[in-house]
Amino acid sequence: MPNLSGIVQQLKTQRDRAQMEAERLNAAVMALGNLGNRGGRLRRARAVKKRKPLSAAARKKIAAAQRARWAQWKAARRGK
């Protein structure tokens, strides 16, 4: 039977090396990741805001205002 204690020792050594390498890579990623951020702040995805439903009266007012804007725009186009 081969020398198991030697094999175990080699595996522990390799594990320690891999762990150190992972720590160095994490540090590099953190350093480079902070370079692209404005003011060192983390970029966060903007939270989606839930909209409150509009009442029928509000929708009518908005539609009337938009129709008035379009009418004004069309009148200006006809005058040219």
PDB file of N, CA and C in Angstrom:
ATOM      1  N   MET A   1       0.843  -1.170   0.000  1.00  0.00           N
ATOM      2  CA  MET A   1       0.000   0.000   0.000  1.00  0.00           C
ATOM      3  C   MET A   1       0.893   1.239   0.000  1.00  0.00           C
ATOM      4  N   PRO A   2       0.577   2.206  -0.867  1.00  0.00           N
ATOM      5  CA  PRO A   2       1.433   3.388  -0.953  1.00  0.00           C
ATOM      6  C   PRO A   2       1.380   4.213   0.333  1.00  0.00           C
ATOM      7  N   ASN A   3       2.297   5.123   0.433  1.00  0.00           N
ATOM      8  CA  ASN A   3       2.420   5.967   1.617  1.00  0.00           C
ATOM      9  C   ASN A   3       1.271   6.982   1.633  1.00  0.00           C
ATOM     10  N   LEU A   4       0.204   6.668   2.371  1.00  0.00           N
ATOM     11  CA  LEU A   4      -0.980   7.516   2.410  1.00  0.00           C
ATOM     12  C   LEU A   4      -0.727   8.845   3.110  1.00  0.00           C
ATOM     13  N   SER A   5       0.090   8.849   4.121  1.00  0.00           N
ATOM     14  CA  SER A   5       0.333  10.105   4.841  1.00  0.00           C
ATOM     15  C   SER A   5       1.043  11.110   3.931  1.00  0.00           C
ATOM     16  N   GLY A   6       1.904  10.636   3.053  1.00  0.00           N
ATOM     17  CA  GLY A   6       2.587  11.521   2.107  1.00  0.00           C
ATOM     18  C   GLY A   6       1.608  12.092   1.099  1.00  0.00           C
ATOM     19  N   ILE A   7       0.701  11.253   0.629  1.00  0.00           N
ATOM     20  CA  ILE A   7      -0.310  11.702  -0.332  1.00  0.00           C
ATOM     21  C   ILE A   7      -1.229  12.736   0.317  1.00  0.00           C
ATOM     22  N   VAL A   8      -1.633  12.475   1.553  1.00  0.00           N
ATOM     23  CA  VAL A   8      -2.502  13.407   2.272  1.00  0.00           C
ATOM     24  C   VAL A   8      -1.777  14.739   2.459  1.00  0.00           C
ATOM     25  N   GLN A   9      -0.507  14.698   2.782  1.00  0.00           N
ATOM     26  CA  GLN A   9       0.276  15.920   2.972  1.00  0.00           C
ATOM     27  C   GLN A   9       0.366  16.715   1.663  1.00  0.00           C
ATOM     28  N   GLN A  10       0.573  16.025   0.547  1.00  0.00           N
ATOM     29  CA  GLN A  10       0.628  16.699  -0.757  1.00  0.00           C
ATOM     30  C   GLN A  10      -0.718  17.340  -1.097  1.00  0.00           C
ATOM     31  N   LEU A  11      -1.785  16.633  -0.819  1.00  0.00           N
ATOM     32  CA  LEU A  11      -3.116  17.188  -1.083  1.00  0.00           C
ATOM     33  C   LEU A  11      -3.381  18.435  -0.241  1.00  0.00           C
ATOM     34  N   LYS A  12      -2.957  18.418   1.019  1.00  0.00           N
ATOM     35  CA  LYS A  12      -3.133  19.582   1.881  1.00  0.00           C
ATOM     36  C   LYS A  12      -2.332  20.766   1.355  1.00  0.00           C
ATOM     37  N   THR A  13      -1.121  20.482   0.869  1.00  0.00           N
ATOM     38  CA  THR A  13      -0.279  21.542   0.319  1.00  0.00           C
ATOM     39  C   THR A  13      -0.926  22.147  -0.920  1.00  0.00           C
ATOM     40  N   GLN A  14      -1.441  21.309  -1.787  1.00  0.00           N
ATOM     41  CA  GLN A  14      -2.112  21.802  -2.992  1.00  0.00           C
ATOM     42  C   GLN A  14      -3.364  22.599  -2.642  1.00  0.00           C
ATOM     43  N   ARG A  15      -4.087  22.124  -1.638  1.00  0.00           N
ATOM     44  CA  ARG A  15      -5.282  22.843  -1.200  1.00  0.00           C
ATOM     45  C   ARG A  15      -4.922  24.233  -0.686  1.00  0.00           C
ATOM     46  N   ASP A  16      -3.856  24.317   0.112  1.00  0.00           N
ATOM     47  CA  ASP A  16      -3.437  25.608   0.641  1.00  0.00           C
ATOM     48  C   ASP A  16      -3.011  26.559  -0.477  1.00  0.00           C
ATOM     49  N   ARG A  17      -2.308  26.039  -1.478  1.00  0.00           N
ATOM     50  CA  ARG A  17      -1.891  26.870  -2.617  1.00  0.00           C
ATOM     51  C   ARG A  17      -3.117  27.378  -3.386  1.00  0.00           C
ATOM     52  N   ALA A  18      -4.073  26.490  -3.618  1.00  0.00           N
ATOM     53  CA  ALA A  18      -5.278  26.875  -4.346  1.00  0.00           C
ATOM     54  C   ALA A  18      -6.064  27.924  -3.567  1.00  0.00           C
ATOM     55  N   GLN A  19      -6.095  27.787  -2.259  1.00  0.00           N
ATOM     56  CA  GLN A  19      -6.812  28.738  -1.421  1.00  0.00           C
ATOM     57  C   GLN A  19      -6.138  30.117  -1.487  1.00  0.00           C
ATOM     58  N   MET A  20      -4.820  30.148  -1.439  1.00  0.00           N
ATOM     59  CA  MET A  20      -4.084  31.409  -1.543  1.00  0.00           C
ATOM     60  C   MET A  20      -4.310  32.056  -2.904  1.00  0.00           C
ATOM     61  N   GLU A  21      -4.304  31.246  -3.957  1.00  0.00           N
ATOM     62  CA  GLU A  21      -4.533  31.760  -5.303  1.00  0.00           C
ATOM     63  C   GLU A  21      -5.941  32.350  -5.417  1.00  0.00           C
ATOM     64  N   ALA A  22      -6.918  31.674  -4.844  1.00  0.00           N
ATOM     65  CA  ALA A  22      -8.288  32.171  -4.880  1.00  0.00           C
ATOM     66  C   ALA A  22      -8.397  33.502  -4.138  1.00  0.00           C
ATOM     67  N   GLU A  23      -7.715  33.640  -3.021  1.00  0.00           N
ATOM     68  CA  GLU A  23      -7.738  34.892  -2.274  1.00  0.00           C
ATOM     69  C   GLU A  23      -7.107  36.021  -3.082  1.00  0.00           C
ATOM     70  N   ARG A  24      -6.011  35.735  -3.777  1.00  0.00           N
ATOM     71  CA  ARG A  24      -5.366  36.758  -4.611  1.00  0.00           C
ATOM     72  C   ARG A  24      -6.273  37.159  -5.772  1.00  0.00           C
ATOM     73  N   LEU A  25      -6.932  36.182  -6.378  1.00  0.00           N
ATOM     74  CA  LEU A  25      -7.847  36.493  -7.479  1.00  0.00           C
ATOM     75  C   LEU A  25      -9.022  37.342  -6.990  1.00  0.00           C
ATOM     76  N   ASN A  26      -9.553  37.011  -5.830  1.00  0.00           N
ATOM     77  CA  ASN A  26     -10.654  37.801  -5.268  1.00  0.00           C
ATOM     78  C   ASN A  26     -10.222  39.241  -5.009  1.00  0.00           C
ATOM     79  N   ALA A  27      -8.996  39.416  -4.493  1.00  0.00           N
ATOM     80  CA  ALA A  27      -8.486  40.761  -4.245  1.00  0.00           C
ATOM     81  C   ALA A  27      -8.334  41.534  -5.556  1.00  0.00           C
ATOM     82  N   ALA A  28      -7.848  40.858  -6.593  1.00  0.00           N
ATOM     83  CA  ALA A  28      -7.680  41.514  -7.894  1.00  0.00           C
ATOM     84  C   ALA A  28      -9.031  41.909  -8.477  1.00  0.00           C
ATOM     85  N   VAL A  29     -10.006  41.033  -8.360  1.00  0.00           N
ATOM     86  CA  VAL A  29     -11.343  41.328  -8.880  1.00  0.00           C
ATOM     87  C   VAL A  29     -11.931  42.526  -8.135  1.00  0.00           C
ATOM     88  N   MET A  30     -11.783  42.565  -6.842  1.00  0.00           N
ATOM     89  CA  MET A  30     -12.308  43.685  -6.061  1.00  0.00           C
ATOM     90  C   MET A  30     -11.614  44.980  -6.453  1.00  0.00           C
ATOM     91  N   ALA A  31     -10.298  44.944  -6.629  1.00  0.00           N
ATOM     92  CA  ALA A  31      -9.552  46.154  -6.988  1.00  0.00           C
ATOM     93  C   ALA A  31      -9.975  46.651  -8.367  1.00  0.00           C
ATOM     94  N   LEU A  32     -10.083  45.765  -9.319  1.00  0.00           N
ATOM     95  CA  LEU A  32     -10.462  46.166 -10.665  1.00  0.00           C
ATOM     96  C   LEU A  32     -11.938  46.544 -10.739  1.00  0.00           C
ATOM     97  N   GLY A  33     -12.756  45.889  -9.970  1.00  0.00           N
ATOM     98  CA  GLY A  33     -14.185  46.189  -9.979  1.00  0.00           C
ATOM     99  C   GLY A  33     -14.470  47.583  -9.461  1.00  0.00           C
ATOM    100  N   ASN A  34     -13.676  48.061  -8.505  1.00  0.00           N
ATOM    101  CA  ASN A  34     -13.894  49.388  -7.942  1.00  0.00           C
ATOM    102  C   ASN A  34     -13.428  50.491  -8.870  1.00  0.00           C
ATOM    103  N   LEU A  35     -12.589  50.191  -9.837  1.00  0.00           N
ATOM    104  CA  LEU A  35     -12.097  51.216 -10.756  1.00  0.00           C
ATOM    105  C   LEU A  35     -13.194  51.723 -11.672  1.00  0.00           C
ATOM    106  N   GLY A  36     -14.106  50.855 -12.063  1.00  0.00           N
ATOM    107  CA  GLY A  36     -15.144  51.238 -13.003  1.00  0.00           C
ATOM    108  C   GLY A  36     -16.320  51.953 -12.375  1.00  0.00           C
ATOM    109  N   ASN A  37     -16.416  51.961 -11.061  1.00  0.00           N
ATOM    110  CA  ASN A  37     -17.569  52.572 -10.393  1.00  0.00           C
ATOM    111  C   ASN A  37     -17.352  54.056 -10.196  1.00  0.00           C
ATOM    112  N   ARG A  38     -18.424  54.811 -10.289  1.00  0.00           N
ATOM    113  CA  ARG A  38     -18.348  56.248 -10.059  1.00  0.00           C
ATOM    114  C   ARG A  38     -18.192  56.507  -8.571  1.00  0.00           C
ATOM    115  N   GLY A  39     -17.136  57.198  -8.208  1.00  0.00           N
ATOM    116  CA  GLY A  39     -16.937  57.584  -6.817  1.00  0.00           C
ATOM    117  C   GLY A  39     -16.727  56.398  -5.890  1.00  0.00           C
ATOM    118  N   GLY A  40     -16.392  55.241  -6.416  1.00  0.00           N
ATOM    119  CA  GLY A  40     -16.164  54.073  -5.582  1.00  0.00           C
ATOM    120  C   GLY A  40     -17.435  53.405  -5.093  1.00  0.00           C
ATOM    121  N   ARG A  41     -18.573  53.946  -5.514  1.00  0.00           N
ATOM    122  CA  ARG A  41     -19.829  53.337  -5.076  1.00  0.00           C
ATOM    123  C   ARG A  41     -20.165  52.167  -5.987  1.00  0.00           C
ATOM    124  N   LEU A  42     -20.808  51.205  -5.413  1.00  0.00           N
ATOM    125  CA  LEU A  42     -21.228  50.049  -6.198  1.00  0.00           C
ATOM    126  C   LEU A  42     -22.417  50.422  -7.060  1.00  0.00           C
ATOM    127  N   ARG A  43     -22.405  49.918  -8.279  1.00  0.00           N
ATOM    128  CA  ARG A  43     -23.561  50.129  -9.144  1.00  0.00           C
ATOM    129  C   ARG A  43     -24.609  49.100  -8.779  1.00  0.00           C
ATOM    130  N   ARG A  44     -25.761  49.584  -8.544  1.00  0.00           N
ATOM    131  CA  ARG A  44     -26.846  48.676  -8.203  1.00  0.00           C
ATOM    132  C   ARG A  44     -27.928  48.800  -9.249  1.00  0.00           C
ATOM    133  N   ALA A  45     -28.537  47.686  -9.528  1.00  0.00           N
ATOM    134  CA  ALA A  45     -29.648  47.718 -10.480  1.00  0.00           C
ATOM    135  C   ALA A  45     -30.754  48.572  -9.879  1.00  0.00           C
ATOM    136  N   ARG A  46     -31.331  49.398 -10.720  1.00  0.00           N
ATOM    137  CA  ARG A  46     -32.395  50.256 -10.226  1.00  0.00           C
ATOM    138  C   ARG A  46     -33.603  49.409  -9.880  1.00  0.00           C
ATOM    139  N   ALA A  47     -34.124  49.691  -8.718  1.00  0.00           N
ATOM    140  CA  ALA A  47     -35.286  48.945  -8.264  1.00  0.00           C
ATOM    141  C   ALA A  47     -36.489  49.338  -9.114  1.00  0.00           C
ATOM    142  N   VAL A  48     -37.249  48.366  -9.482  1.00  0.00           N
ATOM    143  CA  VAL A  48     -38.451  48.622 -10.269  1.00  0.00           C
ATOM    144  C   VAL A  48     -39.519  49.142  -9.318  1.00  0.00           C
ATOM    145  N   LYS A  49     -39.976  50.344  -9.630  1.00  0.00           N
ATOM    146  CA  LYS A  49     -41.005  50.937  -8.773  1.00  0.00           C
ATOM    147  C   LYS A  49     -42.374  50.489  -9.258  1.00  0.00           C
ATOM    148  N   LYS A  50     -43.191  50.117  -8.319  1.00  0.00           N
ATOM    149  CA  LYS A  50     -44.552  49.726  -8.671  1.00  0.00           C
ATOM    150  C   LYS A  50     -45.375  50.987  -8.864  1.00  0.00           C
ATOM    151  N   ARG A  51     -46.107  51.030  -9.941  1.00  0.00           N
ATOM    152  CA  ARG A  51     -46.939  52.180 -10.223  1.00  0.00           C
ATOM    153  C   ARG A  51     -48.323  51.985  -9.630  1.00  0.00           C
ATOM    154  N   LYS A  52     -48.831  53.076  -9.133  1.00  0.00           N
ATOM    155  CA  LYS A  52     -50.202  53.031  -8.647  1.00  0.00           C
ATOM    156  C   LYS A  52     -51.118  53.136  -9.856  1.00  0.00           C
ATOM    157  N   PRO A  53     -52.198  52.437  -9.859  1.00  0.00           N
ATOM    158  CA  PRO A  53     -53.112  52.522 -11.004  1.00  0.00           C
ATOM    159  C   PRO A  53     -53.755  53.909 -11.060  1.00  0.00           C
ATOM    160  N   LEU A  54     -53.894  54.420 -12.292  1.00  0.00           N
ATOM    161  CA  LEU A  54     -54.524  55.725 -12.482  1.00  0.00           C
ATOM    162  C   LEU A  54     -56.044  55.579 -12.493  1.00  0.00           C
ATOM    163  N   SER A  55     -56.678  56.595 -11.980  1.00  0.00           N
ATOM    164  CA  SER A  55     -58.139  56.585 -12.030  1.00  0.00           C
ATOM    165  C   SER A  55     -58.573  56.910 -13.456  1.00  0.00           C
ATOM    166  N   ALA A  56     -59.819  56.631 -13.741  1.00  0.00           N
ATOM    167  CA  ALA A  56     -60.364  56.923 -15.072  1.00  0.00           C
ATOM    168  C   ALA A  56     -60.329  58.420 -15.341  1.00  0.00           C
ATOM    169  N   ALA A  57     -60.605  59.220 -14.334  1.00  0.00           N
ATOM    170  CA  ALA A  57     -60.591  60.672 -14.501  1.00  0.00           C
ATOM    171  C   ALA A  57     -59.184  61.166 -14.830  1.00  0.00           C
ATOM    172  N   ALA A  58     -58.189  60.613 -14.177  1.00  0.00           N
ATOM    173  CA  ALA A  58     -56.803  61.006 -14.445  1.00  0.00           C
ATOM    174  C   ALA A  58     -56.400  60.622 -15.861  1.00  0.00           C
ATOM    175  N   ARG A  59     -56.802  59.416 -16.289  1.00  0.00           N
ATOM    176  CA  ARG A  59     -56.494  59.001 -17.660  1.00  0.00           C
ATOM    177  C   ARG A  59     -57.141  59.926 -18.674  1.00  0.00           C
ATOM    178  N   LYS A  60     -58.372  60.356 -18.403  1.00  0.00           N
ATOM    179  CA  LYS A  60     -59.070  61.272 -19.314  1.00  0.00           C
ATOM    180  C   LYS A  60     -58.347  62.610 -19.399  1.00  0.00           C
ATOM    181  N   LYS A  61     -57.887  63.125 -18.262  1.00  0.00           N
ATOM    182  CA  LYS A  61     -57.172  64.397 -18.257  1.00  0.00           C
ATOM    183  C   LYS A  61     -55.863  64.288 -19.049  1.00  0.00           C
ATOM    184  N   ILE A  62     -55.160  63.201 -18.861  1.00  0.00           N
ATOM    185  CA  ILE A  62     -53.902  62.989 -19.578  1.00  0.00           C
ATOM    186  C   ILE A  62     -54.156  62.881 -21.071  1.00  0.00           C
ATOM    187  N   ALA A  63     -55.191  62.139 -21.452  1.00  0.00           N
ATOM    188  CA  ALA A  63     -55.518  61.977 -22.871  1.00  0.00           C
ATOM    189  C   ALA A  63     -55.912  63.309 -23.489  1.00  0.00           C
ATOM    190  N   ALA A  64     -56.686  64.109 -22.757  1.00  0.00           N
ATOM    191  CA  ALA A  64     -57.110  65.414 -23.283  1.00  0.00           C
ATOM    192  C   ALA A  64     -55.899  66.325 -23.465  1.00  0.00           C
ATOM    193  N   ALA A  65     -54.982  66.307 -22.516  1.00  0.00           N
ATOM    194  CA  ALA A  65     -53.783  67.136 -22.626  1.00  0.00           C
ATOM    195  C   ALA A  65     -52.934  66.706 -23.816  1.00  0.00           C
ATOM    196  N   GLN A  66     -52.825  65.395 -24.039  1.00  0.00           N
ATOM    197  CA  GLN A  66     -52.047  64.901 -25.182  1.00  0.00           C
ATOM    198  C   GLN A  66     -52.716  65.287 -26.494  1.00  0.00           C
ATOM    199  N   ARG A  67     -54.031  65.188 -26.562  1.00  0.00           N
ATOM    200  CA  ARG A  67     -54.745  65.604 -27.776  1.00  0.00           C
ATOM    201  C   ARG A  67     -54.522  67.078 -28.048  1.00  0.00           C
ATOM    202  N   ALA A  68     -54.508  67.899 -26.996  1.00  0.00           N
ATOM    203  CA  ALA A  68     -54.269  69.333 -27.160  1.00  0.00           C
ATOM    204  C   ALA A  68     -52.855  69.581 -27.682  1.00  0.00           C
ATOM    205  N   ARG A  69     -51.887  68.842 -27.173  1.00  0.00           N
ATOM    206  CA  ARG A  69     -50.507  68.993 -27.664  1.00  0.00           C
ATOM    207  C   ARG A  69     -50.411  68.622 -29.128  1.00  0.00           C
ATOM    208  N   TRP A  70     -51.059  67.508 -29.511  1.00  0.00           N
ATOM    209  CA  TRP A  70     -51.025  67.089 -30.915  1.00  0.00           C
ATOM    210  C   TRP A  70     -51.717  68.108 -31.802  1.00  0.00           C
ATOM    211  N   ALA A  71     -52.835  68.658 -31.346  1.00  0.00           N
ATOM    212  CA  ALA A  71     -53.551  69.653 -32.142  1.00  0.00           C
ATOM    213  C   ALA A  71     -52.678  70.892 -32.340  1.00  0.00           C
ATOM    214  N   GLN A  72     -51.992  71.309 -31.297  1.00  0.00           N
ATOM    215  CA  GLN A  72     -51.098  72.459 -31.390  1.00  0.00           C
ATOM    216  C   GLN A  72     -49.962  72.177 -32.368  1.00  0.00           C
ATOM    217  N   TRP A  73     -49.408  70.969 -32.304  1.00  0.00           N
ATOM    218  CA  TRP A  73     -48.305  70.587 -33.195  1.00  0.00           C
ATOM    219  C   TRP A  73     -48.779  70.548 -34.654  1.00  0.00           C
ATOM    220  N   LYS A  74     -49.967  69.975 -34.863  1.00  0.00           N
ATOM    221  CA  LYS A  74     -50.510  69.888 -36.228  1.00  0.00           C
ATOM    222  C   LYS A  74     -50.826  71.263 -36.788  1.00  0.00           C
ATOM    223  N   ALA A  75     -51.341  72.142 -35.949  1.00  0.00           N
ATOM    224  CA  ALA A  75     -51.640  73.507 -36.388  1.00  0.00           C
ATOM    225  C   ALA A  75     -50.364  74.235 -36.797  1.00  0.00           C
ATOM    226  N   ALA A  76     -49.306  74.010 -36.046  1.00  0.00           N
ATOM    227  CA  ALA A  76     -48.021  74.651 -36.364  1.00  0.00           C
ATOM    228  C   ALA A  76     -47.473  74.099 -37.669  1.00  0.00           C
ATOM    229  N   ARG A  77     -47.697  72.824 -37.945  1.00  0.00           N
ATOM    230  CA  ARG A  77     -47.213  72.207 -39.189  1.00  0.00           C
ATOM    231  C   ARG A  77     -47.987  72.737 -40.413  1.00  0.00           C
ATOM    232  N   ARG A  78     -49.286  72.984 -40.213  1.00  0.00           N
ATOM    233  CA  ARG A  78     -50.112  73.488 -41.329  1.00  0.00           C
ATOM    234  C   ARG A  78     -49.727  74.927 -41.673  1.00  0.00           C
ATOM    235  N   GLY A  79     -49.291  75.686 -40.693  1.00  0.00           N
ATOM    236  CA  GLY A  79     -48.948  77.089 -40.894  1.00  0.00           C
ATOM    237  C   GLY A  79     -47.654  77.282 -41.681  1.00  0.00           C
ATOM    238  N   LYS A  80     -46.849  76.265 -41.816  1.00  0.00           N
ATOM    239  CA  LYS A  80     -45.558  76.400 -42.516  1.00  0.00           C
ATOM    240  C   LYS A  80     -45.717  76.439 -43.990  1.00  0.00           C
TER     241      LYS A  80
END
